[in-house]
Amino acid sequence: MSRSYRRTAVPVLLVLTVVAGIGLFLFQPWKAFTDTTVDEALPGASAPAANGGPAVKDTARRNGEEPSAQDTGPKSLAMGRFVSHEHGTSGSARTVQLADGGQVLRIEDFASSEGPDVQVYLSTRDADAVEAGLGDGALALGELKGDRGNQNYTVPAGTDLSRFHSAVIWCARFSVSFGAADLARIEG
């Protein structure tokens, strides 16, 4: 081997190694072959009679009162089905008022792709418009827990959910939407 060949080959190999390392870090290609399933129950979904079940509701009605949210358990506020954007995404999303006054975004029967830095957001934009970006006022709820299953994301206290029109699975690393669900208000 000549000296000039070594002077060229060593820097080229170093650059290729650095580029490969950066590519692995950014794209995390092994995630294309893995799935993470999460199966969380809806918080407070089953209230026993002693803690706000039918007996408490009947007592409140006999006393001329309407049962409070504490008595009635979780209440769905809005819901919708996911549509795919950059990756195949399916399932449903709904916002839920819990018996204790807290709010969650509930994702059910969810299926999408693993990816680097995938986050869950509420957006003021409709699901179709989110493909172009989250828009002003988007609310980050946290990292996606898994690419399969049923998951809950706590909404910060005091958040006015009526401002938000969609739930979004967003890859922060590449600024793309994997999929989004329009949140149609439930009357009643």
N, C-alpha and C. Protein backbone atom coordinates (compact mmCIF):
# COMPACT_ATOMS: atom_id res chain seq x y z
N MET A 1 0.84 -1.17 0.00
CA MET A 1 0.00 0.00 0.00
C MET A 1 0.88 1.23 0.00
N SER A 2 0.48 2.16 -0.83
CA SER A 2 1.27 3.39 -0.89
C SER A 2 0.85 4.34 0.22
N ARG A 3 1.74 5.24 0.49
CA ARG A 3 1.52 6.23 1.54
C ARG A 3 0.34 7.14 1.19
N SER A 4 0.20 7.53 -0.04
CA SER A 4 -0.89 8.43 -0.45
C SER A 4 -2.25 7.72 -0.33
N TYR A 5 -2.28 6.41 -0.59
CA TYR A 5 -3.51 5.64 -0.45
C TYR A 5 -3.97 5.65 1.01
N ARG A 6 -3.03 5.45 1.93
CA ARG A 6 -3.37 5.46 3.35
C ARG A 6 -3.84 6.84 3.79
N ARG A 7 -3.19 7.88 3.29
CA ARG A 7 -3.59 9.24 3.66
C ARG A 7 -5.01 9.54 3.20
N THR A 8 -5.45 8.94 2.15
CA THR A 8 -6.81 9.14 1.64
C THR A 8 -7.79 8.18 2.29
N ALA A 9 -7.42 6.92 2.43
CA ALA A 9 -8.32 5.89 2.94
C ALA A 9 -8.70 6.10 4.40
N VAL A 10 -7.77 6.45 5.24
CA VAL A 10 -8.05 6.61 6.67
C VAL A 10 -9.06 7.74 6.91
N PRO A 11 -8.89 8.94 6.35
CA PRO A 11 -9.90 9.98 6.56
C PRO A 11 -11.26 9.61 5.98
N VAL A 12 -11.28 8.94 4.83
CA VAL A 12 -12.54 8.54 4.22
C VAL A 12 -13.26 7.54 5.13
N LEU A 13 -12.54 6.57 5.68
CA LEU A 13 -13.13 5.62 6.61
C LEU A 13 -13.64 6.29 7.87
N LEU A 14 -12.91 7.26 8.39
CA LEU A 14 -13.36 8.00 9.56
C LEU A 14 -14.64 8.77 9.27
N VAL A 15 -14.71 9.43 8.13
CA VAL A 15 -15.91 10.18 7.76
C VAL A 15 -17.09 9.24 7.59
N LEU A 16 -16.88 8.11 6.92
CA LEU A 16 -17.96 7.13 6.74
C LEU A 16 -18.45 6.58 8.08
N THR A 17 -17.55 6.35 9.01
CA THR A 17 -17.93 5.87 10.33
C THR A 17 -18.77 6.91 11.08
N VAL A 18 -18.36 8.16 11.01
CA VAL A 18 -19.12 9.24 11.67
C VAL A 18 -20.50 9.39 11.02
N VAL A 19 -20.56 9.38 9.69
CA VAL A 19 -21.83 9.50 8.98
C VAL A 19 -22.74 8.32 9.33
N ALA A 20 -22.20 7.11 9.37
CA ALA A 20 -23.01 5.94 9.73
C ALA A 20 -23.54 6.07 11.16
N GLY A 21 -22.71 6.54 12.07
CA GLY A 21 -23.14 6.72 13.46
C GLY A 21 -24.26 7.75 13.57
N ILE A 22 -24.13 8.85 12.86
CA ILE A 22 -25.17 9.88 12.86
C ILE A 22 -26.46 9.33 12.24
N GLY A 23 -26.33 8.60 11.15
CA GLY A 23 -27.50 7.99 10.51
C GLY A 23 -28.22 7.02 11.43
N LEU A 24 -27.47 6.19 12.14
CA LEU A 24 -28.08 5.25 13.08
C LEU A 24 -28.79 6.00 14.21
N PHE A 25 -28.16 7.06 14.71
CA PHE A 25 -28.76 7.84 15.79
C PHE A 25 -30.06 8.51 15.32
N LEU A 26 -30.03 9.13 14.15
CA LEU A 26 -31.21 9.86 13.66
C LEU A 26 -32.35 8.95 13.24
N PHE A 27 -32.06 7.93 12.49
CA PHE A 27 -33.11 7.11 11.89
C PHE A 27 -33.50 5.89 12.71
N GLN A 28 -32.63 5.43 13.60
CA GLN A 28 -32.89 4.26 14.43
C GLN A 28 -33.60 3.16 13.62
N PRO A 29 -32.94 2.62 12.59
CA PRO A 29 -33.59 1.69 11.68
C PRO A 29 -34.10 0.41 12.33
N TRP A 30 -33.54 0.00 13.45
CA TRP A 30 -34.00 -1.22 14.11
C TRP A 30 -35.45 -1.09 14.58
N LYS A 31 -35.95 0.14 14.75
CA LYS A 31 -37.33 0.33 15.18
C LYS A 31 -38.34 -0.09 14.11
N ALA A 32 -37.88 -0.24 12.89
CA ALA A 32 -38.77 -0.72 11.82
C ALA A 32 -39.13 -2.19 12.04
N PHE A 33 -38.38 -2.87 12.89
CA PHE A 33 -38.58 -4.30 13.11
C PHE A 33 -39.07 -4.63 14.52
N THR A 34 -39.43 -3.60 15.30
CA THR A 34 -39.88 -3.83 16.67
C THR A 34 -41.26 -3.20 16.89
N ASP A 35 -41.99 -3.71 17.87
CA ASP A 35 -43.26 -3.15 18.30
C ASP A 35 -43.25 -3.08 19.82
N THR A 36 -43.89 -2.05 20.35
CA THR A 36 -44.08 -1.93 21.79
C THR A 36 -45.57 -1.81 22.04
N THR A 37 -46.13 -2.79 22.75
CA THR A 37 -47.56 -2.80 23.05
C THR A 37 -47.79 -2.32 24.47
N VAL A 38 -48.74 -1.39 24.62
CA VAL A 38 -49.13 -0.85 25.91
C VAL A 38 -50.62 -1.09 26.07
N ASP A 39 -51.04 -1.59 27.23
CA ASP A 39 -52.47 -1.84 27.46
C ASP A 39 -52.87 -1.27 28.82
N GLU A 40 -53.11 0.03 28.86
CA GLU A 40 -53.50 0.71 30.09
C GLU A 40 -55.03 0.78 30.19
N ALA A 41 -55.53 0.62 31.39
CA ALA A 41 -56.96 0.80 31.64
C ALA A 41 -57.25 2.29 31.76
N LEU A 42 -58.47 2.69 31.44
CA LEU A 42 -58.88 4.07 31.63
C LEU A 42 -58.91 4.35 33.13
N PRO A 43 -58.24 5.41 33.60
CA PRO A 43 -58.25 5.69 35.04
C PRO A 43 -59.68 5.90 35.55
N GLY A 44 -60.01 5.24 36.64
CA GLY A 44 -61.31 5.42 37.27
C GLY A 44 -62.47 4.86 36.47
N ALA A 45 -62.22 3.92 35.56
CA ALA A 45 -63.28 3.41 34.70
C ALA A 45 -64.30 2.57 35.44
N SER A 46 -63.89 1.89 36.50
CA SER A 46 -64.86 1.04 37.22
C SER A 46 -64.92 1.49 38.66
N ALA A 47 -66.00 2.20 38.99
CA ALA A 47 -66.18 2.69 40.36
C ALA A 47 -67.11 1.75 41.12
N PRO A 48 -66.69 1.20 42.23
CA PRO A 48 -67.58 0.35 43.01
C PRO A 48 -68.72 1.16 43.61
N ALA A 49 -69.81 0.49 43.98
CA ALA A 49 -70.99 1.17 44.50
C ALA A 49 -70.66 2.07 45.68
N ALA A 50 -69.75 1.67 46.55
CA ALA A 50 -69.42 2.48 47.72
C ALA A 50 -68.72 3.78 47.34
N ASN A 51 -68.12 3.86 46.14
CA ASN A 51 -67.38 5.04 45.73
C ASN A 51 -68.01 5.72 44.52
N GLY A 52 -69.30 5.79 44.45
CA GLY A 52 -69.91 6.54 43.37
C GLY A 52 -70.62 5.69 42.36
N GLY A 53 -70.86 4.44 42.65
CA GLY A 53 -71.56 3.57 41.71
C GLY A 53 -73.05 3.84 41.75
N PRO A 54 -73.86 2.90 41.29
CA PRO A 54 -75.30 3.09 41.18
C PRO A 54 -75.98 3.48 42.49
N ALA A 55 -75.54 2.94 43.61
CA ALA A 55 -76.19 3.26 44.89
C ALA A 55 -76.06 4.74 45.21
N VAL A 56 -74.87 5.33 44.96
CA VAL A 56 -74.67 6.75 45.22
C VAL A 56 -75.52 7.58 44.27
N LYS A 57 -75.59 7.20 42.99
CA LYS A 57 -76.41 7.93 42.02
C LYS A 57 -77.87 7.91 42.43
N ASP A 58 -78.40 6.74 42.82
CA ASP A 58 -79.80 6.62 43.22
C ASP A 58 -80.09 7.47 44.45
N THR A 59 -79.18 7.48 45.41
CA THR A 59 -79.36 8.29 46.62
C THR A 59 -79.41 9.76 46.26
N ALA A 60 -78.52 10.22 45.40
CA ALA A 60 -78.49 11.63 44.98
C ALA A 60 -79.80 12.00 44.30
N ARG A 61 -80.30 11.14 43.40
CA ARG A 61 -81.54 11.44 42.68
C ARG A 61 -82.74 11.48 43.65
N ARG A 62 -82.78 10.57 44.64
CA ARG A 62 -83.88 10.56 45.62
C ARG A 62 -83.87 11.84 46.45
N ASN A 63 -82.71 12.42 46.64
CA ASN A 63 -82.60 13.66 47.41
C ASN A 63 -82.79 14.90 46.54
N GLY A 64 -83.20 14.70 45.28
CA GLY A 64 -83.45 15.84 44.39
C GLY A 64 -82.20 16.45 43.80
N GLU A 65 -81.09 15.75 43.86
CA GLU A 65 -79.83 16.27 43.32
C GLU A 65 -79.46 15.48 42.08
N GLU A 66 -78.70 16.12 41.22
CA GLU A 66 -78.12 15.40 40.09
C GLU A 66 -76.79 14.83 40.55
N PRO A 67 -76.48 13.62 40.12
CA PRO A 67 -75.17 13.07 40.49
C PRO A 67 -74.05 13.95 39.93
N SER A 68 -73.01 14.14 40.71
CA SER A 68 -71.87 14.94 40.25
C SER A 68 -70.96 14.09 39.39
N ALA A 69 -69.96 14.75 38.75
CA ALA A 69 -68.97 14.01 37.95
C ALA A 69 -68.27 12.98 38.82
N GLN A 70 -68.10 13.32 40.10
CA GLN A 70 -67.47 12.38 41.03
C GLN A 70 -68.30 11.10 41.14
N ASP A 71 -69.62 11.25 41.05
CA ASP A 71 -70.51 10.11 41.17
C ASP A 71 -70.63 9.30 39.89
N THR A 72 -70.49 9.94 38.76
CA THR A 72 -70.81 9.28 37.50
C THR A 72 -69.62 8.63 36.82
N GLY A 73 -68.41 8.90 37.22
CA GLY A 73 -67.25 8.29 36.60
C GLY A 73 -66.78 9.04 35.36
N PRO A 74 -65.88 8.43 34.58
CA PRO A 74 -65.32 9.09 33.41
C PRO A 74 -66.38 9.43 32.36
N LYS A 75 -66.19 10.56 31.68
CA LYS A 75 -67.13 11.01 30.66
C LYS A 75 -66.34 11.39 29.39
N SER A 76 -66.68 10.77 28.27
CA SER A 76 -66.04 11.12 27.00
C SER A 76 -66.51 12.49 26.55
N LEU A 77 -65.58 13.34 26.16
CA LEU A 77 -65.90 14.70 25.72
C LEU A 77 -65.85 14.84 24.20
N ALA A 78 -64.88 14.20 23.58
CA ALA A 78 -64.71 14.27 22.13
C ALA A 78 -64.00 13.01 21.67
N MET A 79 -64.24 12.63 20.41
CA MET A 79 -63.56 11.43 19.92
C MET A 79 -63.44 11.45 18.40
N GLY A 80 -62.54 10.62 17.89
CA GLY A 80 -62.34 10.50 16.46
C GLY A 80 -61.43 9.34 16.13
N ARG A 81 -61.33 9.02 14.83
CA ARG A 81 -60.49 7.92 14.34
C ARG A 81 -59.23 8.49 13.71
N PHE A 82 -58.13 7.76 13.89
CA PHE A 82 -56.86 8.19 13.30
C PHE A 82 -56.87 8.00 11.79
N VAL A 83 -56.24 8.94 11.10
CA VAL A 83 -55.94 8.82 9.68
C VAL A 83 -54.42 8.82 9.54
N SER A 84 -53.93 8.13 8.53
CA SER A 84 -52.49 8.01 8.32
C SER A 84 -51.93 9.23 7.61
N HIS A 85 -50.71 9.60 8.01
CA HIS A 85 -49.96 10.64 7.31
C HIS A 85 -48.67 10.01 6.79
N GLU A 86 -47.56 10.20 7.49
CA GLU A 86 -46.27 9.66 7.03
C GLU A 86 -46.12 8.16 7.26
N HIS A 87 -46.86 7.62 8.23
CA HIS A 87 -46.81 6.18 8.53
C HIS A 87 -48.24 5.70 8.72
N GLY A 88 -48.47 4.43 8.40
CA GLY A 88 -49.79 3.85 8.62
C GLY A 88 -50.16 3.95 10.09
N THR A 89 -51.29 4.59 10.39
CA THR A 89 -51.73 4.80 11.76
C THR A 89 -53.22 4.55 11.83
N SER A 90 -53.65 3.76 12.83
CA SER A 90 -55.08 3.47 12.98
C SER A 90 -55.44 3.42 14.46
N GLY A 91 -56.74 3.39 14.72
CA GLY A 91 -57.24 3.37 16.09
C GLY A 91 -58.10 4.60 16.32
N SER A 92 -58.41 4.85 17.58
CA SER A 92 -59.24 6.01 17.91
C SER A 92 -58.62 6.80 19.04
N ALA A 93 -59.04 8.05 19.14
CA ALA A 93 -58.60 8.93 20.22
C ALA A 93 -59.85 9.58 20.82
N ARG A 94 -59.82 9.77 22.12
CA ARG A 94 -60.92 10.49 22.76
C ARG A 94 -60.39 11.25 23.97
N THR A 95 -60.99 12.39 24.22
CA THR A 95 -60.68 13.13 25.43
C THR A 95 -61.71 12.73 26.47
N VAL A 96 -61.24 12.57 27.71
CA VAL A 96 -62.09 12.05 28.77
C VAL A 96 -61.95 12.93 30.01
N GLN A 97 -63.10 13.28 30.59
CA GLN A 97 -63.14 13.96 31.89
C GLN A 97 -63.26 12.87 32.94
N LEU A 98 -62.29 12.78 33.84
CA LEU A 98 -62.29 11.75 34.87
C LEU A 98 -63.17 12.18 36.04
N ALA A 99 -63.57 11.22 36.85
CA ALA A 99 -64.43 11.49 38.00
C ALA A 99 -63.79 12.47 38.97
N ASP A 100 -62.45 12.47 39.07
CA ASP A 100 -61.77 13.38 40.00
C ASP A 100 -61.54 14.76 39.41
N GLY A 101 -62.04 15.01 38.19
CA GLY A 101 -61.88 16.32 37.55
C GLY A 101 -60.72 16.39 36.59
N GLY A 102 -59.82 15.41 36.62
CA GLY A 102 -58.70 15.39 35.70
C GLY A 102 -59.16 15.07 34.29
N GLN A 103 -58.29 15.31 33.34
CA GLN A 103 -58.59 15.04 31.94
C GLN A 103 -57.46 14.22 31.32
N VAL A 104 -57.83 13.30 30.43
CA VAL A 104 -56.83 12.52 29.72
C VAL A 104 -57.20 12.43 28.24
N LEU A 105 -56.17 12.24 27.43
CA LEU A 105 -56.37 11.81 26.05
C LEU A 105 -56.20 10.31 26.08
N ARG A 106 -57.19 9.60 25.60
CA ARG A 106 -57.17 8.14 25.58
C ARG A 106 -57.03 7.68 24.14
N ILE A 107 -56.02 6.87 23.86
CA ILE A 107 -55.81 6.29 22.54
C ILE A 107 -56.12 4.81 22.65
N GLU A 108 -57.02 4.31 21.77
CA GLU A 108 -57.48 2.92 21.88
C GLU A 108 -57.31 2.18 20.56
N ASP A 109 -57.08 0.87 20.67
CA ASP A 109 -56.88 0.00 19.50
C ASP A 109 -55.88 0.63 18.53
N PHE A 110 -54.84 1.20 19.09
CA PHE A 110 -53.87 1.98 18.33
C PHE A 110 -52.85 1.09 17.64
N ALA A 111 -52.49 1.47 16.43
CA ALA A 111 -51.41 0.81 15.71
C ALA A 111 -50.73 1.84 14.82
N SER A 112 -49.40 1.90 14.91
CA SER A 112 -48.61 2.80 14.07
C SER A 112 -47.22 2.19 13.93
N SER A 113 -46.24 3.03 13.70
CA SER A 113 -44.86 2.58 13.56
C SER A 113 -44.03 3.11 14.72
N GLU A 114 -43.01 2.35 15.09
CA GLU A 114 -42.02 2.87 16.02
C GLU A 114 -41.22 3.93 15.29
N GLY A 115 -40.63 4.82 16.01
CA GLY A 115 -39.80 5.84 15.39
C GLY A 115 -39.03 6.59 16.46
N PRO A 116 -38.10 7.42 16.02
CA PRO A 116 -37.31 8.19 16.97
C PRO A 116 -38.08 9.44 17.43
N ASP A 117 -38.11 9.68 18.72
CA ASP A 117 -38.69 10.90 19.30
C ASP A 117 -40.13 11.14 18.87
N VAL A 118 -40.97 10.11 19.00
CA VAL A 118 -42.39 10.23 18.63
C VAL A 118 -43.16 10.72 19.85
N GLN A 119 -43.91 11.78 19.67
CA GLN A 119 -44.63 12.47 20.73
C GLN A 119 -46.13 12.47 20.46
N VAL A 120 -46.91 12.69 21.51
CA VAL A 120 -48.36 12.82 21.40
C VAL A 120 -48.72 14.28 21.67
N TYR A 121 -49.52 14.85 20.78
CA TYR A 121 -49.93 16.26 20.88
C TYR A 121 -51.43 16.39 20.73
N LEU A 122 -51.95 17.48 21.27
CA LEU A 122 -53.26 17.99 20.90
C LEU A 122 -52.99 19.22 20.05
N SER A 123 -53.69 19.35 18.93
CA SER A 123 -53.46 20.47 18.02
C SER A 123 -54.74 21.27 17.82
N THR A 124 -54.57 22.55 17.59
CA THR A 124 -55.70 23.42 17.28
C THR A 124 -56.13 23.26 15.82
N ARG A 125 -55.33 22.53 15.04
CA ARG A 125 -55.65 22.28 13.63
C ARG A 125 -56.43 20.98 13.48
N ASP A 126 -57.15 20.86 12.36
CA ASP A 126 -57.82 19.62 12.01
C ASP A 126 -56.78 18.59 11.59
N ALA A 127 -57.15 17.32 11.60
CA ALA A 127 -56.23 16.23 11.30
C ALA A 127 -55.56 16.39 9.94
N ASP A 128 -56.30 16.79 8.91
CA ASP A 128 -55.71 16.96 7.59
C ASP A 128 -54.68 18.08 7.57
N ALA A 129 -54.96 19.18 8.26
CA ALA A 129 -54.06 20.34 8.26
C ALA A 129 -52.77 20.06 9.03
N VAL A 130 -52.79 19.11 9.94
CA VAL A 130 -51.62 18.80 10.76
C VAL A 130 -50.48 18.25 9.92
N GLU A 131 -50.80 17.70 8.77
CA GLU A 131 -49.73 17.20 7.89
C GLU A 131 -48.72 18.29 7.56
N ALA A 132 -49.18 19.55 7.54
CA ALA A 132 -48.31 20.68 7.24
C ALA A 132 -47.64 21.24 8.49
N GLY A 133 -47.98 20.73 9.66
CA GLY A 133 -47.38 21.20 10.91
C GLY A 133 -48.41 21.24 12.03
N LEU A 134 -47.91 21.27 13.26
CA LEU A 134 -48.80 21.23 14.41
C LEU A 134 -49.63 22.50 14.59
N GLY A 135 -49.11 23.62 14.15
CA GLY A 135 -49.83 24.89 14.30
C GLY A 135 -49.55 25.53 15.65
N ASP A 136 -49.97 26.80 15.77
CA ASP A 136 -49.78 27.54 17.02
C ASP A 136 -50.65 26.95 18.12
N GLY A 137 -50.12 26.94 19.31
CA GLY A 137 -50.90 26.51 20.47
C GLY A 137 -51.00 25.01 20.66
N ALA A 138 -50.22 24.22 19.92
CA ALA A 138 -50.26 22.76 20.10
C ALA A 138 -49.77 22.43 21.51
N LEU A 139 -50.34 21.39 22.09
CA LEU A 139 -50.04 21.00 23.46
C LEU A 139 -49.38 19.62 23.47
N ALA A 140 -48.13 19.57 23.93
CA ALA A 140 -47.40 18.30 24.05
C ALA A 140 -47.88 17.55 25.28
N LEU A 141 -48.23 16.26 25.09
CA LEU A 141 -48.69 15.43 26.20
C LEU A 141 -47.66 14.39 26.63
N GLY A 142 -46.59 14.26 25.87
CA GLY A 142 -45.54 13.32 26.25
C GLY A 142 -45.14 12.40 25.13
N GLU A 143 -44.13 11.60 25.41
CA GLU A 143 -43.61 10.64 24.44
C GLU A 143 -44.62 9.50 24.25
N LEU A 144 -44.76 9.06 23.00
CA LEU A 144 -45.64 7.93 22.70
C LEU A 144 -45.13 6.72 23.48
N LYS A 145 -46.02 6.08 24.24
CA LYS A 145 -45.63 4.98 25.11
C LYS A 145 -45.39 3.69 24.34
N GLY A 146 -46.10 3.50 23.25
CA GLY A 146 -45.95 2.30 22.45
C GLY A 146 -46.65 2.47 21.12
N ASP A 147 -46.26 1.68 20.15
CA ASP A 147 -46.86 1.82 18.81
C ASP A 147 -48.07 0.91 18.63
N ARG A 148 -48.50 0.26 19.72
CA ARG A 148 -49.67 -0.62 19.70
C ARG A 148 -50.42 -0.50 21.03
N GLY A 149 -51.75 -0.68 20.99
CA GLY A 149 -52.51 -0.85 22.22
C GLY A 149 -53.38 0.31 22.64
N ASN A 150 -53.59 0.39 23.97
CA ASN A 150 -54.47 1.37 24.62
C ASN A 150 -53.64 2.18 25.61
N GLN A 151 -53.70 3.51 25.48
CA GLN A 151 -52.82 4.36 26.27
C GLN A 151 -53.55 5.60 26.74
N ASN A 152 -53.10 6.14 27.89
CA ASN A 152 -53.65 7.37 28.46
C ASN A 152 -52.56 8.42 28.56
N TYR A 153 -52.90 9.66 28.24
CA TYR A 153 -51.98 10.78 28.35
C TYR A 153 -52.66 11.87 29.15
N THR A 154 -52.07 12.24 30.27
CA THR A 154 -52.65 13.25 31.15
C THR A 154 -52.61 14.61 30.49
N VAL A 155 -53.76 15.30 30.53
CA VAL A 155 -53.86 16.67 30.03
C VAL A 155 -53.63 17.59 31.22
N PRO A 156 -52.76 18.60 31.09
CA PRO A 156 -52.49 19.48 32.23
C PRO A 156 -53.77 20.12 32.79
N ALA A 157 -53.81 20.24 34.10
CA ALA A 157 -54.98 20.84 34.78
C ALA A 157 -55.23 22.24 34.22
N GLY A 158 -56.50 22.57 34.08
CA GLY A 158 -56.89 23.89 33.60
C GLY A 158 -56.91 24.04 32.09
N THR A 159 -56.57 22.98 31.36
CA THR A 159 -56.57 23.05 29.90
C THR A 159 -57.99 23.06 29.37
N ASP A 160 -58.28 24.01 28.48
CA ASP A 160 -59.59 24.08 27.82
C ASP A 160 -59.54 23.18 26.60
N LEU A 161 -60.07 21.98 26.73
CA LEU A 161 -60.01 21.01 25.63
C LEU A 161 -60.81 21.45 24.41
N SER A 162 -61.75 22.35 24.56
CA SER A 162 -62.55 22.79 23.41
C SER A 162 -61.70 23.55 22.38
N ARG A 163 -60.51 24.01 22.76
CA ARG A 163 -59.60 24.70 21.84
C ARG A 163 -58.95 23.75 20.83
N PHE A 164 -58.91 22.45 21.15
CA PHE A 164 -58.14 21.51 20.36
C PHE A 164 -59.05 20.71 19.44
N HIS A 165 -58.58 20.53 18.20
CA HIS A 165 -59.39 19.88 17.17
C HIS A 165 -58.89 18.50 16.78
N SER A 166 -57.64 18.17 17.17
CA SER A 166 -57.12 16.85 16.78
C SER A 166 -56.07 16.36 17.78
N ALA A 167 -55.95 15.03 17.81
CA ALA A 167 -54.87 14.35 18.53
C ALA A 167 -53.86 13.93 17.47
N VAL A 168 -52.58 14.13 17.76
CA VAL A 168 -51.56 13.93 16.73
C VAL A 168 -50.42 13.06 17.27
N ILE A 169 -49.98 12.12 16.45
CA ILE A 169 -48.77 11.34 16.72
C ILE A 169 -47.69 11.99 15.87
N TRP A 170 -46.74 12.64 16.52
CA TRP A 170 -45.80 13.54 15.86
C TRP A 170 -44.36 13.11 16.09
N CYS A 171 -43.59 12.98 15.02
CA CYS A 171 -42.17 12.69 15.12
C CYS A 171 -41.42 14.01 15.22
N ALA A 172 -40.98 14.34 16.43
CA ALA A 172 -40.30 15.61 16.66
C ALA A 172 -38.94 15.67 15.96
N ARG A 173 -38.29 14.54 15.83
CA ARG A 173 -36.98 14.52 15.20
C ARG A 173 -37.04 14.99 13.76
N PHE A 174 -38.10 14.60 13.02
CA PHE A 174 -38.20 14.95 11.61
C PHE A 174 -39.36 15.89 11.30
N SER A 175 -40.06 16.36 12.33
CA SER A 175 -41.19 17.29 12.18
C SER A 175 -42.22 16.79 11.18
N VAL A 176 -42.68 15.56 11.41
CA VAL A 176 -43.72 14.98 10.55
C VAL A 176 -44.78 14.30 11.42
N SER A 177 -45.99 14.30 10.91
CA SER A 177 -47.09 13.62 11.58
C SER A 177 -47.16 12.18 11.09
N PHE A 178 -47.15 11.23 12.02
CA PHE A 178 -47.38 9.83 11.66
C PHE A 178 -48.86 9.65 11.34
N GLY A 179 -49.72 10.32 12.09
CA GLY A 179 -51.17 10.25 11.90
C GLY A 179 -51.86 11.17 12.88
N ALA A 180 -53.14 11.44 12.63
CA ALA A 180 -53.90 12.34 13.50
C ALA A 180 -55.37 11.91 13.49
N ALA A 181 -56.08 12.31 14.56
CA ALA A 181 -57.50 12.01 14.69
C ALA A 181 -58.25 13.30 14.99
N ASP A 182 -59.25 13.64 14.16
CA ASP A 182 -60.13 14.78 14.47
C ASP A 182 -60.92 14.44 15.72
N LEU A 183 -61.06 15.40 16.62
CA LEU A 183 -61.79 15.20 17.87
C LEU A 183 -63.14 15.89 17.78
N ALA A 184 -64.18 15.12 17.43
CA ALA A 184 -65.53 15.67 17.33
C ALA A 184 -66.16 15.66 18.72
N ARG A 185 -66.74 16.80 19.12
CA ARG A 185 -67.36 16.94 20.43
C ARG A 185 -68.55 16.00 20.56
N ILE A 186 -68.70 15.43 21.74
CA ILE A 186 -69.83 14.55 22.05
C ILE A 186 -70.84 15.38 22.83
N GLU A 187 -72.03 15.47 22.32
CA GLU A 187 -73.08 16.25 22.99
C GLU A 187 -73.68 15.43 24.13
N GLY A 188 -74.06 16.13 25.17
CA GLY A 188 -74.75 15.42 26.25
C GLY A 188 -74.14 15.56 27.51
